[in-house]
C-alpha atoms as a PDB file:
ATOM      1  CA  MET A   1     -30.529 -27.603  66.605  1.00  0.00           C
ATOM      2  CA  SER A   2     -27.706 -26.849  68.558  1.00  0.00           C
ATOM      3  CA  ILE A   3     -26.053 -29.298  70.836  1.00  0.00           C
ATOM      4  CA  ARG A   4     -26.654 -26.877  73.672  1.00  0.00           C
ATOM      5  CA  ARG A   5     -30.011 -26.533  72.810  1.00  0.00           C
ATOM      6  CA  LEU A   6     -30.546 -30.165  72.632  1.00  0.00           C
ATOM      7  CA  ILE A   7     -29.463 -30.954  76.011  1.00  0.00           C
ATOM      8  CA  LEU A   8     -31.575 -28.193  77.532  1.00  0.00           C
ATOM      9  CA  ALA A   9     -34.358 -29.436  75.558  1.00  0.00           C
ATOM     10  CA  VAL A  10     -34.137 -32.897  76.925  1.00  0.00           C
ATOM     11  CA  LEU A  11     -33.519 -31.516  80.535  1.00  0.00           C
ATOM     12  CA  LEU A  12     -36.252 -29.219  80.366  1.00  0.00           C
ATOM     13  CA  PRO A  13     -38.759 -31.215  81.940  1.00  0.00           C
ATOM     14  CA  ALA A  14     -36.640 -32.181  84.944  1.00  0.00           C
ATOM     15  CA  VAL A  15     -35.198 -28.637  85.559  1.00  0.00           C
ATOM     16  CA  VAL A  16     -38.554 -27.031  85.442  1.00  0.00           C
ATOM     17  CA  ALA A  17     -39.618 -29.590  87.851  1.00  0.00           C
ATOM     18  CA  ALA A  18     -36.626 -28.266  90.044  1.00  0.00           C
ATOM     19  CA  SER A  19     -37.028 -24.880  89.591  1.00  0.00           C
ATOM     20  CA  PRO A  20     -36.530 -22.635  92.709  1.00  0.00           C
ATOM     21  CA  GLY A  21     -38.585 -20.078  91.725  1.00  0.00           C
ATOM     22  CA  ALA A  22     -41.693 -21.139  93.949  1.00  0.00           C
ATOM     23  CA  PHE A  23     -39.158 -22.729  96.446  1.00  0.00           C
ATOM     24  CA  ALA A  24     -38.318 -19.315  96.966  1.00  0.00           C
ATOM     25  CA  GLN A  25     -41.178 -18.066  97.909  1.00  0.00           C
ATOM     26  CA  ASP A  26     -42.150 -21.170 100.789  1.00  0.00           C
ATOM     27  CA  LYS A  27     -42.713 -19.426 104.303  1.00  0.00           C
ATOM     28  CA  GLY A  28     -40.561 -20.561 106.879  1.00  0.00           C
ATOM     29  CA  THR A  29     -41.798 -21.326 110.270  1.00  0.00           C
ATOM     30  CA  LEU A  30     -41.341 -19.440 113.734  1.00  0.00           C
ATOM     31  CA  ASP A  31     -41.379 -22.811 115.530  1.00  0.00           C
ATOM     32  CA  PRO A  32     -38.581 -25.040 113.393  1.00  0.00           C
ATOM     33  CA  LYS A  33     -38.244 -28.623 114.592  1.00  0.00           C
ATOM     34  CA  PRO A  34     -35.456 -30.891 114.397  1.00  0.00           C
ATOM     35  CA  LEU A  35     -35.263 -33.910 111.794  1.00  0.00           C
ATOM     36  CA  PRO A  36     -35.931 -37.347 113.214  1.00  0.00           C
ATOM     37  CA  PRO A  37     -32.999 -39.706 113.647  1.00  0.00           C
ATOM     38  CA  LEU A  38     -32.545 -41.682 110.670  1.00  0.00           C
ATOM     39  CA  ALA A  39     -33.084 -45.395 111.446  1.00  0.00           C
ATOM     40  CA  HIS A  40     -29.954 -46.589 109.455  1.00  0.00           C
ATOM     41  CA  PRO A  41     -27.774 -43.876 109.215  1.00  0.00           C
ATOM     42  CA  ASP A  42     -24.630 -46.029 107.909  1.00  0.00           C
ATOM     43  CA  ASP A  43     -26.553 -47.573 105.326  1.00  0.00           C
ATOM     44  CA  PRO A  44     -24.838 -46.911 101.980  1.00  0.00           C
ATOM     45  CA  ALA A  45     -28.236 -46.225  99.924  1.00  0.00           C
ATOM     46  CA  THR A  46     -29.159 -43.502 102.378  1.00  0.00           C
ATOM     47  CA  ALA A  47     -29.684 -40.385 100.439  1.00  0.00           C
ATOM     48  CA  ALA A  48     -26.924 -38.070 101.220  1.00  0.00           C
ATOM     49  CA  LYS A  49     -29.690 -35.356 101.461  1.00  0.00           C
ATOM     50  CA  GLU A  50     -30.650 -36.899 104.733  1.00  0.00           C
ATOM     51  CA  LEU A  51     -27.333 -36.697 106.050  1.00  0.00           C
ATOM     52  CA  PHE A  52     -26.592 -33.212 105.588  1.00  0.00           C
ATOM     53  CA  GLY A  53     -29.896 -32.042 106.172  1.00  0.00           C
ATOM     54  CA  ARG A  54     -29.783 -33.267 109.450  1.00  0.00           C
ATOM     55  CA  LYS A  55     -26.506 -31.204 110.299  1.00  0.00           C
ATOM     56  CA  VAL A  56     -26.985 -28.163 112.333  1.00  0.00           C
ATOM     57  CA  GLN A  57     -23.223 -26.988 113.143  1.00  0.00           C
ATOM     58  CA  PRO A  58     -20.471 -26.575 110.491  1.00  0.00           C
ATOM     59  CA  ALA A  59     -17.502 -29.403 110.456  1.00  0.00           C
ATOM     60  CA  ALA A  60     -14.731 -28.038 112.307  1.00  0.00           C
ATOM     61  CA  LEU A  61     -11.950 -28.025 110.414  1.00  0.00           C
ATOM     62  CA  ALA A  62      -9.880 -25.347 108.078  1.00  0.00           C
ATOM     63  CA  PRO A  63     -12.723 -23.632 105.500  1.00  0.00           C
ATOM     64  CA  ARG A  64     -12.764 -25.849 101.892  1.00  0.00           C
ATOM     65  CA  ALA A  65     -14.945 -26.220  99.167  1.00  0.00           C
ATOM     66  CA  ILE A  66     -15.126 -29.595  97.996  1.00  0.00           C
ATOM     67  CA  GLY A  67     -16.417 -30.806  94.888  1.00  0.00           C
ATOM     68  CA  PHE A  68     -18.625 -28.976  92.391  1.00  0.00           C
ATOM     69  CA  TYR A  69     -21.587 -26.830  92.801  1.00  0.00           C
ATOM     70  CA  ALA A  70     -24.101 -29.730  92.712  1.00  0.00           C
ATOM     71  CA  LYS A  71     -22.112 -32.355  93.945  1.00  0.00           C
ATOM     72  CA  GLY A  72     -20.107 -31.358  96.932  1.00  0.00           C
ATOM     73  CA  CYS A  73     -19.735 -29.967 100.540  1.00  0.00           C
ATOM     74  CA  LEU A  74     -18.198 -27.712 102.737  1.00  0.00           C
ATOM     75  CA  ALA A  75     -15.955 -27.797 105.176  1.00  0.00           C
ATOM     76  CA  GLY A  76     -15.476 -24.988 107.824  1.00  0.00           C
ATOM     77  CA  GLY A  77     -18.732 -23.272 107.307  1.00  0.00           C
ATOM     78  CA  GLU A  78     -19.113 -19.583 107.729  1.00  0.00           C
ATOM     79  CA  ALA A  79     -22.861 -18.249 108.808  1.00  0.00           C
ATOM     80  CA  LEU A  80     -23.315 -14.996 107.249  1.00  0.00           C
ATOM     81  CA  PRO A  81     -24.705 -12.883 110.467  1.00  0.00           C
ATOM     82  CA  ILE A  82     -28.420 -12.838 110.255  1.00  0.00           C
ATOM     83  CA  ASN A  83     -28.072  -8.934 110.611  1.00  0.00           C
ATOM     84  CA  GLY A  84     -25.556  -6.834 109.044  1.00  0.00           C
ATOM     85  CA  PRO A  85     -25.613  -2.945 108.305  1.00  0.00           C
ATOM     86  CA  THR A  86     -26.721  -3.211 104.939  1.00  0.00           C
ATOM     87  CA  TRP A  87     -28.242  -6.805 105.050  1.00  0.00           C
ATOM     88  CA  GLN A  88     -30.715  -8.913 106.637  1.00  0.00           C
ATOM     89  CA  VAL A  89     -31.341 -12.565 106.041  1.00  0.00           C
ATOM     90  CA  MET A  90     -34.551 -14.481 105.332  1.00  0.00           C
ATOM     91  CA  ARG A  91     -36.206 -17.641 106.256  1.00  0.00           C
ATOM     92  CA  LEU A  92     -33.709 -18.075 109.203  1.00  0.00           C
ATOM     93  CA  SER A  93     -35.690 -21.584 110.230  1.00  0.00           C
ATOM     94  CA  ARG A  94     -33.967 -23.006 107.148  1.00  0.00           C
ATOM     95  CA  ASN A  95     -30.708 -22.435 108.573  1.00  0.00           C
ATOM     96  CA  ARG A  96     -29.471 -22.088 104.984  1.00  0.00           C
ATOM     97  CA  ASN A  97     -26.972 -18.863 105.652  1.00  0.00           C
ATOM     98  CA  TRP A  98     -23.772 -20.802 105.422  1.00  0.00           C
ATOM     99  CA  GLY A  99     -20.762 -20.423 103.074  1.00  0.00           C
ATOM    100  CA  HIS A 100     -17.334 -20.564 102.859  1.00  0.00           C
ATOM    101  CA  PRO A 101     -15.515 -17.319 104.143  1.00  0.00           C
ATOM    102  CA  GLU A 102     -14.933 -15.691 100.405  1.00  0.00           C
ATOM    103  CA  LEU A 103     -18.621 -15.853  99.970  1.00  0.00           C
ATOM    104  CA  ILE A 104     -19.307 -13.893 103.609  1.00  0.00           C
ATOM    105  CA  ALA A 105     -17.082 -11.760 102.515  1.00  0.00           C
ATOM    106  CA  LEU A 106     -18.135 -11.140  98.911  1.00  0.00           C
ATOM    107  CA  LEU A 107     -21.958 -10.868 100.188  1.00  0.00           C
ATOM    108  CA  GLU A 108     -20.912  -8.398 102.957  1.00  0.00           C
ATOM    109  CA  ARG A 109     -19.134  -6.256 100.460  1.00  0.00           C
ATOM    110  CA  LEU A 110     -21.374  -6.355  97.855  1.00  0.00           C
ATOM    111  CA  SER A 111     -24.443  -5.146 100.189  1.00  0.00           C
ATOM    112  CA  ALA A 112     -22.938  -2.269 100.869  1.00  0.00           C
ATOM    113  CA  LYS A 113     -21.833  -1.947  97.416  1.00  0.00           C
ATOM    114  CA  VAL A 114     -25.284  -2.006  96.418  1.00  0.00           C
ATOM    115  CA  HIS A 115     -26.292   0.317  99.459  1.00  0.00           C
ATOM    116  CA  LYS A 116     -24.084   2.844  97.467  1.00  0.00           C
ATOM    117  CA  ALA A 117     -24.690   2.522  93.674  1.00  0.00           C
ATOM    118  CA  ALA A 118     -28.181   1.481  93.632  1.00  0.00           C
ATOM    119  CA  GLY A 119     -29.421   3.426  96.677  1.00  0.00           C
ATOM    120  CA  TRP A 120     -31.163   0.129  98.724  1.00  0.00           C
ATOM    121  CA  PRO A 121     -31.297   0.361 102.077  1.00  0.00           C
ATOM    122  CA  GLY A 122     -29.352  -2.933 101.714  1.00  0.00           C
ATOM    123  CA  LEU A 123     -30.063  -6.654 100.426  1.00  0.00           C
ATOM    124  CA  LEU A 124     -31.931  -9.414 101.727  1.00  0.00           C
ATOM    125  CA  MET A 125     -30.515 -12.739 101.401  1.00  0.00           C
ATOM    126  CA  GLY A 126     -32.006 -15.835 100.727  1.00  0.00           C
ATOM    127  CA  ASP A 127     -30.643 -19.659 100.747  1.00  0.00           C
ATOM    128  CA  MET A 128     -26.962 -19.828 100.770  1.00  0.00           C
ATOM    129  CA  ALA A 129     -25.459 -23.322 101.755  1.00  0.00           C
ATOM    130  CA  GLN A 130     -26.532 -25.843 104.671  1.00  0.00           C
ATOM    131  CA  PRO A 131     -23.896 -25.937 107.858  1.00  0.00           C
ATOM    132  CA  ARG A 132     -22.168 -28.451 105.972  1.00  0.00           C
ATOM    133  CA  GLY A 133     -22.901 -28.029 102.656  1.00  0.00           C
ATOM    134  CA  GLY A 134     -24.180 -30.974 100.570  1.00  0.00           C
ATOM    135  CA  PRO A 135     -27.653 -31.613  98.767  1.00  0.00           C
ATOM    136  CA  MET A 136     -30.564 -30.202 100.500  1.00  0.00           C
ATOM    137  CA  ILE A 137     -33.308 -32.132 101.310  1.00  0.00           C
ATOM    138  CA  THR A 138     -35.538 -29.751  99.779  1.00  0.00           C
ATOM    139  CA  GLY A 139     -35.224 -26.912  97.215  1.00  0.00           C
ATOM    140  CA  HIS A 140     -31.596 -26.577  95.656  1.00  0.00           C
ATOM    141  CA  ALA A 141     -29.429 -29.266  93.194  1.00  0.00           C
ATOM    142  CA  SER A 142     -26.452 -26.834  93.598  1.00  0.00           C
ATOM    143  CA  HIS A 143     -25.705 -24.353  96.767  1.00  0.00           C
ATOM    144  CA  GLN A 144     -23.656 -27.718  97.881  1.00  0.00           C
ATOM    145  CA  ILE A 145     -20.164 -26.294  98.360  1.00  0.00           C
ATOM    146  CA  GLY A 146     -20.834 -22.625  99.801  1.00  0.00           C
ATOM    147  CA  LEU A 147     -19.833 -20.655  97.101  1.00  0.00           C
ATOM    148  CA  ASP A 148     -23.587 -19.773  95.997  1.00  0.00           C
ATOM    149  CA  ALA A 149     -26.088 -17.348  97.005  1.00  0.00           C
ATOM    150  CA  ASP A 150     -29.652 -16.215  96.306  1.00  0.00           C
ATOM    151  CA  ILE A 151     -30.844 -12.315  96.705  1.00  0.00           C
ATOM    152  CA  TRP A 152     -33.970 -11.304  96.728  1.00  0.00           C
ATOM    153  CA  LEU A 153     -34.806  -8.695  94.211  1.00  0.00           C
ATOM    154  CA  THR A 154     -36.808  -6.957  96.851  1.00  0.00           C
ATOM    155  CA  PRO A 155     -34.592  -4.151  98.548  1.00  0.00           C
ATOM    156  CA  MET A 156     -34.285  -4.186 102.154  1.00  0.00           C
ATOM    157  CA  PRO A 157     -36.632  -1.956 103.823  1.00  0.00           C
ATOM    158  CA  ASN A 158     -34.929   0.445 106.186  1.00  0.00           C
ATOM    159  CA  ARG A 159     -35.807  -1.221 109.051  1.00  0.00           C
ATOM    160  CA  MET A 160     -35.185  -4.309 110.822  1.00  0.00           C
ATOM    161  CA  LEU A 161     -38.036  -6.833 109.690  1.00  0.00           C
ATOM    162  CA  SER A 162     -39.363  -9.225 112.517  1.00  0.00           C
ATOM    163  CA  ARG A 163     -39.230 -12.830 112.762  1.00  0.00           C
ATOM    164  CA  ASN A 164     -42.285 -13.402 111.348  1.00  0.00           C
ATOM    165  CA  GLU A 165     -41.738 -11.101 107.997  1.00  0.00           C
ATOM    166  CA  ARG A 166     -38.603 -12.928 108.077  1.00  0.00           C
ATOM    167  CA  GLU A 167     -40.348 -16.083 107.440  1.00  0.00           C
ATOM    168  CA  GLU A 168     -43.416 -15.424 105.854  1.00  0.00           C
ATOM    169  CA  MET A 169     -43.326 -12.002 103.304  1.00  0.00           C
ATOM    170  CA  SER A 170     -42.639 -12.768 100.114  1.00  0.00           C
ATOM    171  CA  ALA A 171     -39.953 -11.254  97.332  1.00  0.00           C
ATOM    172  CA  VAL A 172     -41.429  -9.104  94.379  1.00  0.00           C
ATOM    173  CA  ASN A 173     -41.954 -11.193  90.993  1.00  0.00           C
ATOM    174  CA  MET A 174     -39.765  -9.283  88.544  1.00  0.00           C
ATOM    175  CA  VAL A 175     -41.476 -10.927  85.510  1.00  0.00           C
ATOM    176  CA  SER A 176     -44.886 -10.247  83.833  1.00  0.00           C
ATOM    177  CA  THR A 177     -47.713 -12.483  83.193  1.00  0.00           C
ATOM    178  CA  SER A 178     -46.682 -12.773  79.650  1.00  0.00           C
ATOM    179  CA  ARG A 179     -43.300 -14.513  80.460  1.00  0.00           C
ATOM    180  CA  LEU A 180     -42.055 -11.884  77.668  1.00  0.00           C
ATOM    181  CA  ASP A 181     -40.419  -9.024  79.800  1.00  0.00           C
ATOM    182  CA  ILE A 182     -40.127  -7.729  83.341  1.00  0.00           C
ATOM    183  CA  ASP A 183     -43.235  -6.421  84.922  1.00  0.00           C
ATOM    184  CA  PRO A 184     -43.038  -2.373  84.423  1.00  0.00           C
ATOM    185  CA  LYS A 185     -44.789  -1.552  87.437  1.00  0.00           C
ATOM    186  CA  VAL A 186     -42.159  -3.220  89.537  1.00  0.00           C
ATOM    187  CA  TRP A 187     -38.594  -3.409  87.575  1.00  0.00           C
ATOM    188  CA  THR A 188     -36.886   0.029  88.101  1.00  0.00           C
ATOM    189  CA  PRO A 189     -33.227   0.584  86.897  1.00  0.00           C
ATOM    190  CA  LYS A 190     -31.743   0.626  90.572  1.00  0.00           C
ATOM    191  CA  HIS A 191     -32.481  -3.640  89.770  1.00  0.00           C
ATOM    192  CA  LEU A 192     -30.092  -3.306  86.896  1.00  0.00           C
ATOM    193  CA  GLN A 193     -27.768  -1.424  88.926  1.00  0.00           C
ATOM    194  CA  ALA A 194     -27.492  -4.115  91.794  1.00  0.00           C
ATOM    195  CA  ILE A 195     -27.148  -6.911  89.408  1.00  0.00           C
ATOM    196  CA  ARG A 196     -24.038  -4.827  87.926  1.00  0.00           C
ATOM    197  CA  ALA A 197     -22.515  -4.292  90.858  1.00  0.00           C
ATOM    198  CA  ALA A 198     -22.636  -8.050  91.797  1.00  0.00           C
ATOM    199  CA  ALA A 199     -21.461  -9.195  88.181  1.00  0.00           C
ATOM    200  CA  GLU A 200     -18.692  -6.655  88.202  1.00  0.00           C
ATOM    201  CA  GLU A 201     -17.160  -8.380  91.450  1.00  0.00           C
ATOM    202  CA  PRO A 202     -13.581 -10.283  89.758  1.00  0.00           C
ATOM    203  CA  GLU A 203     -14.749 -13.543  92.101  1.00  0.00           C
ATOM    204  CA  VAL A 204     -18.154 -13.442  91.066  1.00  0.00           C
ATOM    205  CA  GLU A 205     -18.544 -16.570  88.266  1.00  0.00           C
ATOM    206  CA  ARG A 206     -22.030 -16.901  86.888  1.00  0.00           C
ATOM    207  CA  ILE A 207     -25.476 -14.729  87.910  1.00  0.00           C
ATOM    208  CA  PHE A 208     -28.443 -16.671  87.336  1.00  0.00           C
ATOM    209  CA  VAL A 209     -31.420 -14.596  86.498  1.00  0.00           C
ATOM    210  CA  ASN A 210     -35.303 -15.257  84.858  1.00  0.00           C
ATOM    211  CA  ALA A 211     -34.543 -15.152  81.057  1.00  0.00           C
ATOM    212  CA  ALA A 212     -36.867 -11.866  81.117  1.00  0.00           C
ATOM    213  CA  ILE A 213     -34.856 -10.041  83.557  1.00  0.00           C
ATOM    214  CA  LYS A 214     -31.618 -11.027  81.074  1.00  0.00           C
ATOM    215  CA  LYS A 215     -33.332  -9.207  78.225  1.00  0.00           C
ATOM    216  CA  ALA A 216     -34.149  -6.175  80.606  1.00  0.00           C
ATOM    217  CA  LEU A 217     -30.394  -5.819  81.367  1.00  0.00           C
ATOM    218  CA  CYS A 218     -29.566  -6.654  77.602  1.00  0.00           C
ATOM    219  CA  ARG A 219     -31.944  -3.491  76.774  1.00  0.00           C
ATOM    220  CA  GLU A 220     -30.641  -1.465  79.529  1.00  0.00           C
ATOM    221  CA  ALA A 221     -26.736  -1.705  80.133  1.00  0.00           C
ATOM    222  CA  GLY A 222     -26.272   0.962  77.600  1.00  0.00           C
ATOM    223  CA  SER A 223     -22.260   1.260  76.287  1.00  0.00           C
ATOM    224  CA  ASN A 224     -21.095  -0.484  79.660  1.00  0.00           C
ATOM    225  CA  ARG A 225     -21.778  -4.053  78.571  1.00  0.00           C
ATOM    226  CA  ALA A 226     -18.894  -6.528  79.823  1.00  0.00           C
ATOM    227  CA  TRP A 227     -20.336  -7.234  82.829  1.00  0.00           C
ATOM    228  CA  LEU A 228     -23.494  -8.806  80.699  1.00  0.00           C
ATOM    229  CA  SER A 229     -21.261 -11.874  79.958  1.00  0.00           C
ATOM    230  CA  LYS A 230     -21.483 -13.255  83.862  1.00  0.00           C
ATOM    231  CA  VAL A 231     -25.374 -12.888  83.711  1.00  0.00           C
ATOM    232  CA  ARG A 232     -27.030 -16.005  82.366  1.00  0.00           C
ATOM    233  CA  PRO A 233     -30.827 -17.238  82.122  1.00  0.00           C
ATOM    234  CA  MET A 234     -31.561 -20.031  84.127  1.00  0.00           C
ATOM    235  CA  TYR A 235     -35.070 -21.625  84.681  1.00  0.00           C
ATOM    236  CA  GLY A 236     -37.157 -19.796  88.061  1.00  0.00           C
ATOM    237  CA  HIS A 237     -35.167 -17.095  89.484  1.00  0.00           C
ATOM    238  CA  ASP A 238     -38.199 -14.363  89.053  1.00  0.00           C
ATOM    239  CA  TYR A 239     -37.923 -13.732  92.329  1.00  0.00           C
ATOM    240  CA  HIS A 240     -34.138 -13.424  93.171  1.00  0.00           C
ATOM    241  CA  PHE A 241     -30.607 -13.122  91.658  1.00  0.00           C
ATOM    242  CA  HIS A 242     -28.389 -16.384  92.224  1.00  0.00           C
ATOM    243  CA  VAL A 243     -24.540 -15.148  92.675  1.00  0.00           C
ATOM    244  CA  ARG A 244     -22.073 -18.077  92.470  1.00  0.00           C
ATOM    245  CA  ILE A 245     -18.307 -17.425  93.118  1.00  0.00           C
ATOM    246  CA  LYS A 246     -15.269 -18.707  91.473  1.00  0.00           C
ATOM    247  CA  CYS A 247     -13.748 -21.829  93.255  1.00  0.00           C
ATOM    248  CA  PRO A 248     -11.199 -19.923  95.720  1.00  0.00           C
ATOM    249  CA  PRO A 249      -7.615 -19.986  95.965  1.00  0.00           C
ATOM    250  CA  GLY A 250      -6.067 -22.955  97.842  1.00  0.00           C
ATOM    251  CA  ASN A 251      -9.172 -25.033  97.468  1.00  0.00           C
ATOM    252  CA  PRO A 252      -7.298 -27.522  95.291  1.00  0.00           C
ATOM    253  CA  ASP A 253     -10.758 -29.879  96.014  1.00  0.00           C
ATOM    254  CA  CYS A 254     -13.046 -27.179  94.275  1.00  0.00           C
ATOM    255  CA  THR A 255     -14.064 -28.578  91.017  1.00  0.00           C
ATOM    256  CA  PRO A 256     -14.231 -24.867  88.866  1.00  0.00           C
ATOM    257  CA  GLN A 257     -17.060 -24.500  86.295  1.00  0.00           C
ATOM    258  CA  GLU A 258     -16.126 -23.403  82.987  1.00  0.00           C
ATOM    259  CA  PRO A 259     -16.010 -19.700  82.360  1.00  0.00           C
ATOM    260  CA  PRO A 260     -19.086 -18.188  80.760  1.00  0.00           C
ATOM    261  CA  ALA A 261     -18.706 -17.591  76.633  1.00  0.00           C
ATOM    262  CA  ALA A 262     -17.040 -13.922  76.306  1.00  0.00           C
ATOM    263  CA  THR A 263     -20.308 -12.991  74.681  1.00  0.00           C
ATOM    264  CA  ASP A 264     -22.584 -10.602  76.273  1.00  0.00           C
ATOM    265  CA  GLY A 265     -25.367 -13.297  75.953  1.00  0.00           C
ATOM    266  CA  CYS A 266     -27.975 -10.876  74.467  1.00  0.00           C
ATOM    267  CA  GLY A 267     -30.210 -10.653  70.988  1.00  0.00           C
ATOM    268  CA  HIS A 268     -30.593 -14.062  69.641  1.00  0.00           C
ATOM    269  CA  ASP A 269     -28.758 -15.985  72.283  1.00  0.00           C
ATOM    270  CA  LEU A 270     -31.977 -15.308  74.251  1.00  0.00           C
ATOM    271  CA  ASP A 271     -34.320 -16.781  71.391  1.00  0.00           C
ATOM    272  CA  TYR A 272     -34.292 -20.375  72.886  1.00  0.00           C
ATOM    273  CA  TRP A 273     -35.635 -19.330  76.403  1.00  0.00           C
ATOM    274  CA  PHE A 274     -38.556 -17.487  74.648  1.00  0.00           C
ATOM    275  CA  SER A 275     -39.729 -20.354  72.493  1.00  0.00           C
ATOM    276  CA  ASP A 276     -42.927 -21.651  73.073  1.00  0.00           C
ATOM    277  CA  ALA A 277     -41.423 -25.160  74.469  1.00  0.00           C
ATOM    278  CA  VAL A 278     -39.729 -23.468  77.179  1.00  0.00           C
ATOM    279  CA  LEU A 279     -42.581 -20.622  77.846  1.00  0.00           C
ATOM    280  CA  HIS A 280     -45.174 -23.165  77.506  1.00  0.00           C
ATOM    281  CA  PRO A 281     -43.525 -26.732  77.862  1.00  0.00           C
ATOM    282  CA  LYS A 282     -45.913 -29.817  77.654  1.00  0.00           C
ATOM    283  CA  PRO A 283     -45.361 -32.663  79.599  1.00  0.00           C
ATOM    284  CA  PRO A 284     -43.726 -35.662  77.651  1.00  0.00           C
ATOM    285  CA  PRO A 285     -46.232 -38.670  76.592  1.00  0.00           C
ATOM    286  CA  THR A 286     -44.198 -41.133  79.471  1.00  0.00           C
ATOM    287  CA  PRO A 287     -42.944 -39.489  82.790  1.00  0.00           C
ATOM    288  CA  PRO A 288     -39.470 -39.698  83.326  1.00  0.00           C
ATOM    289  CA  LYS A 289     -38.583 -42.044  86.350  1.00  0.00           C
ATOM    290  CA  PRO A 290     -37.093 -39.426  88.832  1.00  0.00           C
ATOM    291  CA  LYS A 291     -33.526 -39.703  89.365  1.00  0.00           C
ATOM    292  CA  PRO A 292     -32.341 -41.549  92.314  1.00  0.00           C
ATOM    293  CA  PRO A 293     -30.992 -38.978  95.091  1.00  0.00           C
ATOM    294  CA  LEU A 294     -27.007 -38.645  95.043  1.00  0.00           C
ATOM    295  CA  THR A 295     -25.541 -41.093  98.294  1.00  0.00           C
ATOM    296  CA  LEU A 296     -22.294 -40.184 100.208  1.00  0.00           C
ATOM    297  CA  ALA A 297     -20.360 -42.230  97.690  1.00  0.00           C
ATOM    298  CA  ASP A 298     -21.559 -40.195  94.853  1.00  0.00           C
ATOM    299  CA  LEU A 299     -19.658 -37.282  96.383  1.00  0.00           C
ATOM    300  CA  PRO A 300     -16.237 -36.903  96.902  1.00  0.00           C
ATOM    301  CA  ALA A 301     -14.373 -38.583  99.437  1.00  0.00           C
ATOM    302  CA  ALA A 302     -13.329 -35.925 101.633  1.00  0.00           C
ATOM    303  CA  CYS A 303     -17.091 -34.978 102.141  1.00  0.00           C
ATOM    304  CA  LYS A 304     -17.128 -38.337 104.181  1.00  0.00           C
ATOM    305  CA  GLN A 305     -14.796 -36.495 107.318  1.00  0.00           C
ATOM    306  CA  VAL A 306     -17.068 -33.542 106.581  1.00  0.00           C
ATOM    307  CA  LEU A 307     -19.779 -35.548 107.946  1.00  0.00           C
ATOM    308  CA  GLN A 308     -18.361 -36.769 110.492  1.00  0.00           C
ATOM    309  CA  VAL A 309     -15.958 -34.467 112.317  1.00  0.00           C
ATOM    310  CA  PRO A 310     -17.850 -32.722 115.393  1.00  0.00           C
END
């Protein structure tokens, strides 16, 4: 077994448990309630997610992505407007439509590009980051530094969605019940065009999709395959694709991810993802102890200032 597969095998139970696939479909609420104040917010043992989850406005600092995608925070966050010419934001009650200005610009540009390339009226935007980034109380392990965004694989309708629809409608599952391929009843060539449009953006570092979706992209890409190297299989992601951009220039505190392999990631590279151990994982004999949540001390030092400023 390769080192990569060994690591994945060890991490599989935890990753499956934290899979964003089902969470992305959780309904929101029309009447979001503020979280209660923390009894001891200065306690070093307080989980960072409890601190960042209570910040409803961005830090009044120059825009900076701080740390790594799964261990960091966001200064000077900008909100993606909830309505645009070719996009609408979903699950408004979560207040997770924040990002680095470079991500906001990319999403606005990409939505127009997909409108033209795939003929969709626009994109439905899922979770991005919290106003100050950081760990989230529910859901994602990444999305912490304002450089990640989930985009629904359901095209935006050619009308304005109601607030109730934004909180309660579900995206369409693109994966067949066998988990071995896409569902041909809902998957179309336009889905490939939308994902390819994102992958061809120079700022995009990675795109995560379910392995069945990656398999379909490999099969249908044709001779133009260079963009496939950015599209990588990941647990969950049946209903959406996850766009991750590179550390923006002038953000020295941002920790970059290793660039993707130059191969297209097709063929036998996908064998692991369709193995029985992945498709039908067995619970370990002894359930692993949950990892303790990240604390502020686990994050880059600059994240303390991000929390403290108005």
